[in-house]
């Protein structure tokens, strides 16, 4: 008999922490727009982790301004991963995330106002440990 272990689905209640994990590379304007879209979500993220794949830290000013605007509303974490490698960059965002739920989006994508809420509803409805939702460039 073949048995499969089933990982319990994290709690999706209002108290469940959600971390948005984001990679960025030299797209300051698009990053600023996406961060505002994330701030305007119907389900506010608890944390946004932005990992800059530019060794010069070209996104720092955008993220610092956003973090100052969001102070007390959500945690904003910024880090630089200097080696040009998207896998290392995404892995660093996961390592810095504190929520049991992670949502991934890149700096060149858009997040409609109900993007995060839809992800969580679908995961809860289907009791899925993960869920893929389209994002739009």
Protein backbone atom coordinates (compact mmCIF):
# COMPACT_ATOMS: atom_id res chain seq x y z
CA UNK A 1 0.00 0.00 0.00
CA UNK A 2 1.31 3.42 -0.96
CA UNK A 3 0.83 6.03 1.76
CA UNK A 4 1.24 9.75 1.33
CA UNK A 5 1.94 12.21 4.10
CA UNK A 6 -0.33 15.22 3.99
CA UNK A 7 1.04 18.46 5.33
CA UNK A 8 -1.57 20.39 7.31
CA UNK A 9 -2.73 23.60 5.68
CA UNK A 10 -1.80 26.68 7.72
CA UNK A 11 -4.60 28.65 9.32
CA UNK A 12 -6.12 31.17 6.90
CA UNK A 13 -7.97 33.21 9.50
CA UNK A 14 -7.47 36.95 9.76
CA UNK A 15 -4.63 36.21 12.20
CA UNK A 16 -2.65 34.10 9.72
CA UNK A 17 0.51 35.94 8.69
CA UNK A 18 1.21 36.31 4.99
CA UNK A 19 4.59 37.33 3.63
CA UNK A 20 4.90 38.61 0.08
CA UNK A 21 8.24 37.54 -1.42
CA UNK A 22 9.52 39.69 -4.25
CA UNK A 23 12.63 39.78 -6.41
CA UNK A 24 13.63 43.04 -8.08
CA UNK A 25 16.32 44.12 -10.51
CA UNK A 26 16.69 47.69 -11.79
CA UNK A 27 12.96 48.41 -12.21
CA UNK A 28 12.40 51.22 -9.73
CA UNK A 29 9.27 52.67 -11.35
CA UNK A 30 7.59 49.29 -11.73
CA UNK A 31 8.59 48.34 -8.20
CA UNK A 32 7.08 51.54 -6.78
CA UNK A 33 3.82 50.88 -8.64
CA UNK A 34 3.65 47.26 -7.47
CA UNK A 35 4.34 48.21 -3.86
CA UNK A 36 1.42 50.65 -3.96
CA UNK A 37 -0.81 47.93 -5.41
CA UNK A 38 0.21 45.62 -2.57
CA UNK A 39 -0.50 48.33 -0.01
CA UNK A 40 -4.02 48.70 -1.46
CA UNK A 41 -4.94 45.00 -1.28
CA UNK A 42 -8.32 44.07 0.21
CA UNK A 43 -6.33 41.67 2.41
CA UNK A 44 -3.28 43.60 3.54
CA UNK A 45 -0.06 41.56 3.61
CA UNK A 46 1.62 41.30 6.99
CA UNK A 47 5.08 41.49 5.50
CA UNK A 48 6.65 42.36 2.17
CA UNK A 49 10.17 41.05 1.56
CA UNK A 50 11.98 42.71 -1.33
CA UNK A 51 15.30 41.21 -2.38
CA UNK A 52 17.28 43.36 -4.79
CA UNK A 53 19.37 41.40 -7.27
CA UNK A 54 21.34 44.56 -8.11
CA UNK A 55 24.59 44.64 -6.13
CA UNK A 56 24.40 48.47 -6.19
CA UNK A 57 21.05 48.42 -4.37
CA UNK A 58 19.14 50.39 -6.99
CA UNK A 59 15.79 49.66 -5.29
CA UNK A 60 16.81 50.85 -1.82
CA UNK A 61 15.38 54.39 -2.05
CA UNK A 62 12.03 53.14 -3.41
CA UNK A 63 11.73 50.54 -0.66
CA UNK A 64 12.81 52.92 2.12
CA UNK A 65 10.19 55.49 1.07
CA UNK A 66 7.49 52.80 0.90
CA UNK A 67 8.51 51.37 4.29
CA UNK A 68 8.27 54.83 5.87
CA UNK A 69 4.76 55.26 4.45
CA UNK A 70 3.67 51.84 5.72
CA UNK A 71 5.19 52.03 9.20
CA UNK A 72 2.99 50.14 11.63
CA UNK A 73 0.74 48.78 8.90
CA UNK A 74 3.01 46.00 7.62
CA UNK A 75 6.61 44.89 7.94
CA UNK A 76 8.81 45.79 5.00
CA UNK A 77 12.15 43.98 4.65
CA UNK A 78 14.83 44.90 2.12
CA UNK A 79 17.95 42.93 1.32
CA UNK A 80 20.51 42.74 -1.46
CA UNK A 81 21.53 39.47 -3.08
CA UNK A 82 24.46 40.63 -5.26
CA UNK A 83 25.02 37.51 -7.37
CA UNK A 84 22.86 37.65 -10.52
CA UNK A 85 20.81 34.53 -9.90
CA UNK A 86 17.02 34.55 -9.57
CA UNK A 87 16.99 31.28 -7.59
CA UNK A 88 19.36 32.70 -4.96
CA UNK A 89 17.33 35.91 -4.86
CA UNK A 90 14.02 34.09 -4.33
CA UNK A 91 15.59 31.77 -1.76
CA UNK A 92 16.80 34.79 0.21
CA UNK A 93 13.27 36.24 0.21
CA UNK A 94 11.94 32.97 1.63
CA UNK A 95 14.66 32.92 4.29
CA UNK A 96 13.68 36.45 5.39
CA UNK A 97 9.93 35.82 5.39
CA UNK A 98 8.23 35.32 8.75
CA UNK A 99 4.72 34.27 7.70
CA UNK A 100 3.56 30.67 7.39
CA UNK A 101 1.97 31.71 4.08
CA UNK A 102 4.16 33.01 1.28
CA UNK A 103 2.98 34.76 -1.88
CA UNK A 104 5.46 35.35 -4.70
CA UNK A 105 5.36 38.21 -7.18
CA UNK A 106 8.00 39.92 -9.29
CA UNK A 107 8.59 43.63 -9.78
CA UNK A 108 7.30 43.57 -13.37
CA UNK A 109 3.90 42.13 -12.45
CA UNK A 110 0.65 43.74 -11.32
CA UNK A 111 -1.42 42.83 -8.27
CA UNK A 112 -5.12 43.60 -8.73
CA UNK A 113 -6.74 44.83 -5.52
CA UNK A 114 -8.05 41.36 -4.60
CA UNK A 115 -4.93 39.38 -5.65
CA UNK A 116 -3.85 38.29 -2.16
CA UNK A 117 -7.39 37.71 -0.89
CA UNK A 118 -8.12 35.50 -3.92
CA UNK A 119 -4.96 33.46 -3.31
CA UNK A 120 -5.96 32.82 0.30
CA UNK A 121 -9.60 32.03 -0.48
CA UNK A 122 -8.59 29.50 -3.14
CA UNK A 123 -6.04 27.86 -0.83
CA UNK A 124 -8.65 27.62 1.94
CA UNK A 125 -11.44 26.40 -0.35
CA UNK A 126 -9.30 23.62 -1.76
CA UNK A 127 -7.36 22.95 1.47
CA UNK A 128 -4.21 23.37 -0.53
CA UNK A 129 -0.77 23.87 0.99
CA UNK A 130 -0.05 26.02 -2.05
CA UNK A 131 -1.94 27.74 -4.84
CA UNK A 132 -1.00 29.42 -8.11
CA UNK A 133 -2.86 32.54 -9.20
CA UNK A 134 -2.13 34.43 -12.40
CA UNK A 135 -0.46 37.78 -12.19
CA UNK A 136 -0.34 40.20 -15.08
CA UNK A 137 2.61 42.08 -16.54
